[in-house]
Amino acid sequence: MAAVTIRNLSDEAHRALKVRAAQHNRSAEAEMRAILEAAVRPDSRLRLGSAMATISRAAGLTNADLEALEPMRDTQPAKPMRFE
């Protein structure tokens, strides 16, 4: 896991962070992790698998449709690119 150091945090922000952490019954470090996670991974983010499932349901696709494609699928391993 990565470690992060935050420099030049004002005393007021540090105190507010400790108060917020106490309100959520966690340490200041755990509170900072929660804040950063919420900032970079919001609940409203697009999840690719969920989006694809929604689109396929809207199009009326079923498992039988996918199974019909299986015999046509290329089963050969991919060859790595060559840069010669």
Protein backbone atom coordinates (compact mmCIF):
# COMPACT_ATOMS: atom_id res chain seq x y z
CA MET A 1 0.00 0.00 0.00
CA ALA A 2 1.09 3.52 -0.70
CA ALA A 3 1.97 5.96 2.05
CA VAL A 4 1.15 9.65 1.70
CA THR A 5 2.56 12.60 3.61
CA ILE A 6 0.56 15.81 3.74
CA ARG A 7 2.72 18.87 4.34
CA ASN A 8 1.72 22.37 5.40
CA LEU A 9 -1.73 21.43 6.70
CA SER A 10 -3.05 24.35 8.71
CA ASP A 11 -3.68 23.88 12.43
CA GLU A 12 -7.36 24.73 11.86
CA ALA A 13 -7.73 22.02 9.19
CA HIS A 14 -5.95 19.50 11.43
CA ARG A 15 -8.25 20.29 14.36
CA ALA A 16 -11.32 20.07 12.12
CA LEU A 17 -10.10 16.73 10.81
CA LYS A 18 -9.71 15.38 14.35
CA VAL A 19 -13.21 16.59 15.27
CA ARG A 20 -14.68 14.99 12.14
CA ALA A 21 -12.83 11.75 12.88
CA ALA A 22 -14.18 11.70 16.44
CA GLN A 23 -17.72 12.24 15.13
CA HIS A 24 -17.29 9.15 12.92
CA ASN A 25 -15.61 7.13 15.70
CA ARG A 26 -12.35 6.65 13.84
CA SER A 27 -8.78 7.87 13.94
CA ALA A 28 -7.63 10.97 12.07
CA GLU A 29 -5.70 8.69 9.70
CA ALA A 30 -8.79 6.55 8.99
CA GLU A 31 -10.82 9.73 8.45
CA MET A 32 -8.28 11.00 5.91
CA ARG A 33 -8.46 7.66 4.06
CA ALA A 34 -12.26 7.87 3.98
CA ILE A 35 -12.18 11.44 2.69
CA LEU A 36 -9.68 10.60 -0.05
CA GLU A 37 -11.58 7.45 -1.09
CA ALA A 38 -14.85 9.40 -1.33
CA ALA A 39 -13.15 12.13 -3.38
CA VAL A 40 -11.54 9.87 -5.97
CA ARG A 41 -14.11 7.04 -6.05
CA PRO A 42 -17.55 8.62 -5.74
CA ASP A 43 -20.64 6.40 -5.51
CA SER A 44 -21.99 7.95 -8.70
CA ARG A 45 -19.05 6.77 -10.81
CA LEU A 46 -19.77 4.71 -13.89
CA ARG A 47 -19.16 1.01 -13.32
CA LEU A 48 -18.44 -0.60 -16.66
CA GLY A 49 -19.87 -4.04 -15.88
CA SER A 50 -23.09 -2.58 -14.51
CA ALA A 51 -23.42 -0.28 -17.52
CA MET A 52 -22.93 -3.16 -19.95
CA ALA A 53 -25.49 -5.30 -18.10
CA THR A 54 -28.03 -2.46 -18.24
CA ILE A 55 -27.47 -1.96 -21.97
CA SER A 56 -27.78 -5.69 -22.72
CA ARG A 57 -30.99 -5.96 -20.68
CA ALA A 58 -32.44 -2.94 -22.48
CA ALA A 59 -31.56 -4.57 -25.80
CA GLY A 60 -33.29 -7.78 -24.71
CA LEU A 61 -30.18 -9.99 -24.78
CA THR A 62 -30.27 -13.28 -22.89
CA ASN A 63 -27.72 -15.93 -21.95
CA ALA A 64 -28.91 -17.92 -24.97
CA ASP A 65 -27.79 -15.06 -27.23
CA LEU A 66 -24.33 -15.14 -25.72
CA GLU A 67 -24.14 -18.93 -25.95
CA ALA A 68 -24.97 -18.69 -29.67
CA LEU A 69 -21.84 -16.56 -30.14
CA GLU A 70 -19.57 -19.03 -28.34
CA PRO A 71 -18.86 -21.35 -31.34
CA MET A 72 -17.67 -18.35 -33.38
CA ARG A 73 -15.30 -17.10 -30.69
CA ASP A 74 -11.59 -17.20 -31.51
CA THR A 75 -9.99 -19.49 -28.93
CA GLN A 76 -6.40 -19.06 -30.11
CA PRO A 77 -4.14 -17.26 -27.66
CA ALA A 78 -3.28 -13.72 -28.64
CA LYS A 79 0.16 -13.23 -30.11
CA PRO A 80 2.23 -10.51 -28.46
CA MET A 81 3.10 -7.45 -30.53
CA ARG A 82 6.52 -7.35 -32.07
CA PHE A 83 8.43 -4.10 -32.42
CA GLU A 84 11.08 -5.17 -34.90
